[in-house]
C-alpha atoms as a PDB file:
ATOM      1  CA  UNK A   1      -3.343  23.553   1.253  1.00  0.00           C
ATOM      2  CA  UNK A   2       0.229  22.395   2.380  1.00  0.00           C
ATOM      3  CA  UNK A   3       0.435  18.424   2.665  1.00  0.00           C
ATOM      4  CA  UNK A   4      -2.595  17.702   0.863  1.00  0.00           C
ATOM      5  CA  UNK A   5      -2.703  13.826  -0.271  1.00  0.00           C
ATOM      6  CA  UNK A   6      -3.870  11.719  -3.114  1.00  0.00           C
ATOM      7  CA  UNK A   7      -3.801   8.014  -3.714  1.00  0.00           C
ATOM      8  CA  UNK A   8      -3.827   6.447  -7.091  1.00  0.00           C
ATOM      9  CA  UNK A   9      -4.583   2.942  -7.906  1.00  0.00           C
ATOM     10  CA  UNK A  10      -2.476   2.607 -10.881  1.00  0.00           C
ATOM     11  CA  UNK A  11       0.687   4.475 -11.480  1.00  0.00           C
ATOM     12  CA  UNK A  12      -0.442   7.944 -12.888  1.00  0.00           C
ATOM     13  CA  UNK A  13       1.333   9.999 -15.652  1.00  0.00           C
ATOM     14  CA  UNK A  14       3.885  12.707 -14.131  1.00  0.00           C
ATOM     15  CA  UNK A  15       1.461  15.557 -15.366  1.00  0.00           C
ATOM     16  CA  UNK A  16      -0.881  14.392 -12.544  1.00  0.00           C
ATOM     17  CA  UNK A  17       1.758  14.794 -10.128  1.00  0.00           C
ATOM     18  CA  UNK A  18       2.275  18.666 -11.392  1.00  0.00           C
ATOM     19  CA  UNK A  19      -0.956  19.333  -9.753  1.00  0.00           C
ATOM     20  CA  UNK A  20       0.698  18.934  -6.208  1.00  0.00           C
ATOM     21  CA  UNK A  21       3.056  21.404  -4.128  1.00  0.00           C
ATOM     22  CA  UNK A  22       6.334  20.421  -2.489  1.00  0.00           C
ATOM     23  CA  UNK A  23       5.801  18.638   0.598  1.00  0.00           C
ATOM     24  CA  UNK A  24       2.330  17.091  -0.430  1.00  0.00           C
ATOM     25  CA  UNK A  25       1.957  13.223  -0.007  1.00  0.00           C
ATOM     26  CA  UNK A  26       0.986  11.191  -3.019  1.00  0.00           C
ATOM     27  CA  UNK A  27       0.576   7.421  -2.438  1.00  0.00           C
ATOM     28  CA  UNK A  28       1.224   5.799  -5.954  1.00  0.00           C
ATOM     29  CA  UNK A  29      -0.624   2.463  -6.550  1.00  0.00           C
ATOM     30  CA  UNK A  30       1.024  -0.375  -8.587  1.00  0.00           C
ATOM     31  CA  UNK A  31      -1.099  -3.170  -9.931  1.00  0.00           C
ATOM     32  CA  UNK A  32      -0.241  -7.023  -9.857  1.00  0.00           C
ATOM     33  CA  UNK A  33       0.697  -6.685 -13.453  1.00  0.00           C
ATOM     34  CA  UNK A  34       3.133  -3.854 -12.712  1.00  0.00           C
ATOM     35  CA  UNK A  35       4.625  -5.913  -9.913  1.00  0.00           C
ATOM     36  CA  UNK A  36       4.784  -9.353 -11.864  1.00  0.00           C
ATOM     37  CA  UNK A  37       6.437  -7.840 -14.793  1.00  0.00           C
ATOM     38  CA  UNK A  38       8.805  -5.931 -12.853  1.00  0.00           C
ATOM     39  CA  UNK A  39       7.727  -2.691 -14.355  1.00  0.00           C
ATOM     40  CA  UNK A  40       7.284  -0.724 -10.916  1.00  0.00           C
ATOM     41  CA  UNK A  41      11.031  -0.388 -10.567  1.00  0.00           C
ATOM     42  CA  UNK A  42      11.331   1.377 -13.674  1.00  0.00           C
ATOM     43  CA  UNK A  43       8.239   3.608 -12.821  1.00  0.00           C
ATOM     44  CA  UNK A  44       9.651   4.362  -9.564  1.00  0.00           C
ATOM     45  CA  UNK A  45      12.859   5.473 -10.580  1.00  0.00           C
ATOM     46  CA  UNK A  46      10.863   7.732 -13.210  1.00  0.00           C
ATOM     47  CA  UNK A  47       9.044   9.352 -10.442  1.00  0.00           C
ATOM     48  CA  UNK A  48      12.320   9.705  -8.375  1.00  0.00           C
ATOM     49  CA  UNK A  49      13.895  11.571 -11.358  1.00  0.00           C
ATOM     50  CA  UNK A  50      10.726  13.566 -11.771  1.00  0.00           C
ATOM     51  CA  UNK A  51      10.801  14.798  -8.162  1.00  0.00           C
ATOM     52  CA  UNK A  52      14.559  15.743  -8.441  1.00  0.00           C
ATOM     53  CA  UNK A  53      13.658  18.062 -11.435  1.00  0.00           C
ATOM     54  CA  UNK A  54      10.782  19.432  -9.422  1.00  0.00           C
ATOM     55  CA  UNK A  55      12.992  20.271  -6.683  1.00  0.00           C
ATOM     56  CA  UNK A  56      15.760  21.984  -9.031  1.00  0.00           C
ATOM     57  CA  UNK A  57      12.942  23.852 -10.728  1.00  0.00           C
ATOM     58  CA  UNK A  58      12.060  25.180  -7.260  1.00  0.00           C
ATOM     59  CA  UNK A  59       8.750  23.359  -6.896  1.00  0.00           C
ATOM     60  CA  UNK A  60       9.924  21.117  -3.915  1.00  0.00           C
ATOM     61  CA  UNK A  61       9.867  17.348  -3.658  1.00  0.00           C
ATOM     62  CA  UNK A  62       6.655  15.350  -3.109  1.00  0.00           C
ATOM     63  CA  UNK A  63       6.461  12.815  -0.494  1.00  0.00           C
ATOM     64  CA  UNK A  64       5.910   9.633  -2.121  1.00  0.00           C
ATOM     65  CA  UNK A  65       4.248   6.216  -0.761  1.00  0.00           C
ATOM     66  CA  UNK A  66       4.519   3.346  -3.019  1.00  0.00           C
ATOM     67  CA  UNK A  67       1.130   1.250  -2.575  1.00  0.00           C
ATOM     68  CA  UNK A  68       1.185  -2.449  -3.481  1.00  0.00           C
ATOM     69  CA  UNK A  69      -2.069  -3.888  -4.975  1.00  0.00           C
ATOM     70  CA  UNK A  70      -5.542  -3.053  -3.865  1.00  0.00           C
ATOM     71  CA  UNK A  71      -7.796  -5.685  -1.829  1.00  0.00           C
ATOM     72  CA  UNK A  72      -6.023  -8.512  -3.411  1.00  0.00           C
ATOM     73  CA  UNK A  73      -7.160 -10.518   0.006  1.00  0.00           C
ATOM     74  CA  UNK A  74     -10.762 -10.106  -1.120  1.00  0.00           C
ATOM     75  CA  UNK A  75     -12.310 -12.853  -2.844  1.00  0.00           C
ATOM     76  CA  UNK A  76     -13.011 -11.839  -6.898  1.00  0.00           C
ATOM     77  CA  UNK A  77     -10.455  -9.007  -6.157  1.00  0.00           C
ATOM     78  CA  UNK A  78      -7.202 -11.262  -6.633  1.00  0.00           C
ATOM     79  CA  UNK A  79      -5.633 -11.766  -9.956  1.00  0.00           C
ATOM     80  CA  UNK A  80      -5.628 -15.296 -11.334  1.00  0.00           C
ATOM     81  CA  UNK A  81      -2.253 -15.805 -10.425  1.00  0.00           C
ATOM     82  CA  UNK A  82      -2.947 -15.469  -6.917  1.00  0.00           C
ATOM     83  CA  UNK A  83      -6.051 -17.736  -6.412  1.00  0.00           C
ATOM     84  CA  UNK A  84      -6.767 -21.150  -6.272  1.00  0.00           C
ATOM     85  CA  UNK A  85     -10.137 -22.597  -6.558  1.00  0.00           C
ATOM     86  CA  UNK A  86     -11.327 -18.792  -6.589  1.00  0.00           C
ATOM     87  CA  UNK A  87      -9.871 -18.167  -3.049  1.00  0.00           C
ATOM     88  CA  UNK A  88      -7.129 -15.659  -2.453  1.00  0.00           C
ATOM     89  CA  UNK A  89      -3.434 -17.154  -1.838  1.00  0.00           C
ATOM     90  CA  UNK A  90      -2.530 -14.642   0.808  1.00  0.00           C
ATOM     91  CA  UNK A  91       0.730 -16.104   1.635  1.00  0.00           C
ATOM     92  CA  UNK A  92       1.843 -16.136  -1.858  1.00  0.00           C
ATOM     93  CA  UNK A  93       0.739 -12.294  -2.177  1.00  0.00           C
ATOM     94  CA  UNK A  94       2.361 -11.014   0.787  1.00  0.00           C
ATOM     95  CA  UNK A  95       5.479 -12.911  -0.245  1.00  0.00           C
ATOM     96  CA  UNK A  96       5.656 -11.350  -3.532  1.00  0.00           C
ATOM     97  CA  UNK A  97       4.673  -8.024  -2.304  1.00  0.00           C
ATOM     98  CA  UNK A  98       7.636  -8.504   0.280  1.00  0.00           C
ATOM     99  CA  UNK A  99      10.043  -9.109  -2.445  1.00  0.00           C
ATOM    100  CA  UNK A 100       8.949  -5.855  -4.495  1.00  0.00           C
ATOM    101  CA  UNK A 101       9.123  -3.952  -1.331  1.00  0.00           C
ATOM    102  CA  UNK A 102      12.831  -5.106  -0.685  1.00  0.00           C
ATOM    103  CA  UNK A 103      13.448  -4.169  -4.350  1.00  0.00           C
ATOM    104  CA  UNK A 104      11.917  -0.537  -4.018  1.00  0.00           C
ATOM    105  CA  UNK A 105      13.494  -0.018  -0.750  1.00  0.00           C
ATOM    106  CA  UNK A 106      17.054  -0.724  -2.776  1.00  0.00           C
ATOM    107  CA  UNK A 107      16.515   1.863  -5.150  1.00  0.00           C
ATOM    108  CA  UNK A 108      14.471   4.343  -2.814  1.00  0.00           C
ATOM    109  CA  UNK A 109      15.227   4.158   0.892  1.00  0.00           C
ATOM    110  CA  UNK A 110      13.586   7.479   1.733  1.00  0.00           C
ATOM    111  CA  UNK A 111       9.784   6.548   0.790  1.00  0.00           C
ATOM    112  CA  UNK A 112       7.839   4.025   2.391  1.00  0.00           C
ATOM    113  CA  UNK A 113       6.145   0.912   0.894  1.00  0.00           C
ATOM    114  CA  UNK A 114       2.549  -0.209   2.034  1.00  0.00           C
ATOM    115  CA  UNK A 115       0.049  -3.118   0.858  1.00  0.00           C
ATOM    116  CA  UNK A 116      -3.399  -1.972   0.494  1.00  0.00           C
ATOM    117  CA  UNK A 117      -5.972  -4.635   1.878  1.00  0.00           C
ATOM    118  CA  UNK A 118      -9.672  -4.671   2.206  1.00  0.00           C
ATOM    119  CA  UNK A 119     -10.785  -4.795   5.835  1.00  0.00           C
ATOM    120  CA  UNK A 120     -13.131  -7.997   6.431  1.00  0.00           C
ATOM    121  CA  UNK A 121     -14.677  -9.548   9.314  1.00  0.00           C
ATOM    122  CA  UNK A 122     -11.581 -12.147   9.742  1.00  0.00           C
ATOM    123  CA  UNK A 123      -8.984  -9.097   8.618  1.00  0.00           C
ATOM    124  CA  UNK A 124      -6.686  -9.705  11.595  1.00  0.00           C
ATOM    125  CA  UNK A 125      -6.087 -13.441  10.474  1.00  0.00           C
ATOM    126  CA  UNK A 126      -4.724 -11.964   7.378  1.00  0.00           C
ATOM    127  CA  UNK A 127      -2.872  -8.864   8.941  1.00  0.00           C
ATOM    128  CA  UNK A 128      -1.092 -11.907  11.269  1.00  0.00           C
ATOM    129  CA  UNK A 129       0.018 -13.134   7.808  1.00  0.00           C
ATOM    130  CA  UNK A 130       1.112  -9.894   6.417  1.00  0.00           C
ATOM    131  CA  UNK A 131       3.447  -9.457   9.700  1.00  0.00           C
ATOM    132  CA  UNK A 132       4.798 -12.853   9.148  1.00  0.00           C
ATOM    133  CA  UNK A 133       5.587 -12.745   5.408  1.00  0.00           C
ATOM    134  CA  UNK A 134       6.036  -9.274   4.821  1.00  0.00           C
ATOM    135  CA  UNK A 135       8.773  -7.908   7.051  1.00  0.00           C
ATOM    136  CA  UNK A 136       9.755  -5.210   4.276  1.00  0.00           C
ATOM    137  CA  UNK A 137       6.331  -3.452   4.295  1.00  0.00           C
ATOM    138  CA  UNK A 138       6.707  -0.249   6.185  1.00  0.00           C
ATOM    139  CA  UNK A 139       3.036  -0.103   7.195  1.00  0.00           C
ATOM    140  CA  UNK A 140      -0.369  -1.572   6.213  1.00  0.00           C
ATOM    141  CA  UNK A 141      -2.957   0.217   4.493  1.00  0.00           C
ATOM    142  CA  UNK A 142      -6.846  -0.769   4.814  1.00  0.00           C
ATOM    143  CA  UNK A 143     -10.084   0.093   2.964  1.00  0.00           C
ATOM    144  CA  UNK A 144     -12.681   0.004   5.731  1.00  0.00           C
ATOM    145  CA  UNK A 145     -16.293  -0.224   4.408  1.00  0.00           C
ATOM    146  CA  UNK A 146     -17.944  -2.892   5.785  1.00  0.00           C
ATOM    147  CA  UNK A 147     -19.230  -1.302   9.089  1.00  0.00           C
ATOM    148  CA  UNK A 148     -19.976   2.138  10.288  1.00  0.00           C
ATOM    149  CA  UNK A 149     -17.659   1.486  13.294  1.00  0.00           C
ATOM    150  CA  UNK A 150     -13.937   1.636  12.315  1.00  0.00           C
ATOM    151  CA  UNK A 151     -12.997   1.983  15.681  1.00  0.00           C
ATOM    152  CA  UNK A 152     -13.458  -1.838  16.180  1.00  0.00           C
ATOM    153  CA  UNK A 153     -10.978  -2.696  13.418  1.00  0.00           C
ATOM    154  CA  UNK A 154      -8.380  -0.081  14.959  1.00  0.00           C
ATOM    155  CA  UNK A 155      -8.974  -1.716  18.305  1.00  0.00           C
ATOM    156  CA  UNK A 156      -8.779  -5.345  16.955  1.00  0.00           C
ATOM    157  CA  UNK A 157      -5.600  -4.267  15.296  1.00  0.00           C
ATOM    158  CA  UNK A 158      -3.777  -2.944  18.374  1.00  0.00           C
ATOM    159  CA  UNK A 159      -4.895  -5.860  20.144  1.00  0.00           C
ATOM    160  CA  UNK A 160      -3.134  -7.962  17.633  1.00  0.00           C
ATOM    161  CA  UNK A 161      -0.046  -5.848  17.987  1.00  0.00           C
ATOM    162  CA  UNK A 162       0.008  -6.584  21.630  1.00  0.00           C
ATOM    163  CA  UNK A 163      -0.260 -10.299  21.381  1.00  0.00           C
ATOM    164  CA  UNK A 164       0.855 -11.782  18.209  1.00  0.00           C
ATOM    165  CA  UNK A 165       3.507 -10.043  16.455  1.00  0.00           C
ATOM    166  CA  UNK A 166       6.634 -10.607  18.628  1.00  0.00           C
ATOM    167  CA  UNK A 167       7.108  -6.799  19.095  1.00  0.00           C
ATOM    168  CA  UNK A 168       6.445  -5.879  15.506  1.00  0.00           C
ATOM    169  CA  UNK A 169       4.417  -2.697  15.958  1.00  0.00           C
ATOM    170  CA  UNK A 170       4.341  -1.500  12.434  1.00  0.00           C
ATOM    171  CA  UNK A 171       1.513   1.150  12.042  1.00  0.00           C
ATOM    172  CA  UNK A 172      -1.587   1.042   9.807  1.00  0.00           C
ATOM    173  CA  UNK A 173      -3.165   3.301   7.567  1.00  0.00           C
ATOM    174  CA  UNK A 174      -7.112   3.810   6.624  1.00  0.00           C
ATOM    175  CA  UNK A 175      -6.697   4.350   2.807  1.00  0.00           C
ATOM    176  CA  UNK A 176     -10.306   4.394   2.312  1.00  0.00           C
ATOM    177  CA  UNK A 177     -13.266   4.951   5.064  1.00  0.00           C
ATOM    178  CA  UNK A 178     -16.784   4.652   4.308  1.00  0.00           C
ATOM    179  CA  UNK A 179     -20.137   2.726   5.029  1.00  0.00           C
ATOM    180  CA  UNK A 180     -21.198  -0.499   3.212  1.00  0.00           C
ATOM    181  CA  UNK A 181     -22.601   0.170  -0.422  1.00  0.00           C
ATOM    182  CA  UNK A 182     -25.032  -2.507  -0.530  1.00  0.00           C
END
């Protein structure tokens, strides 16, 4: 199956990448620790080197997507450095993610960077902050679980694009989709 996709939550060993064909999409996740310690840049350089070796060996390059965080906008999911009184510090996270995306684009202008957030009832407030504080992010990714009608989230996103982003029309990607688990 050409162009199959996979998403990781943490940086995988390159042996995991051997399972994919040239042209396949792989979204590689980086944690707050990877970002805060600056490890993500060395890891990306390693993945890019691996991708070149694949190409030289005739296996074809993978299409990488660099994913920052996972649901750090949700209470209880944010690292301690990104919370105050137990609540997520959205602006701090989006600013740090923006800085990381800028550095990623510097070493790899060919693959997109995304932030992965959890969709909530007030997600559009957070999305508006992402647009404002993270201009280096190529598109936004969302895990949508809290209802069985994801079309409402998509419609709300499009409405936000029309009225609150000053012409910024970055796309969104649904990185996880399902019904509530409770």
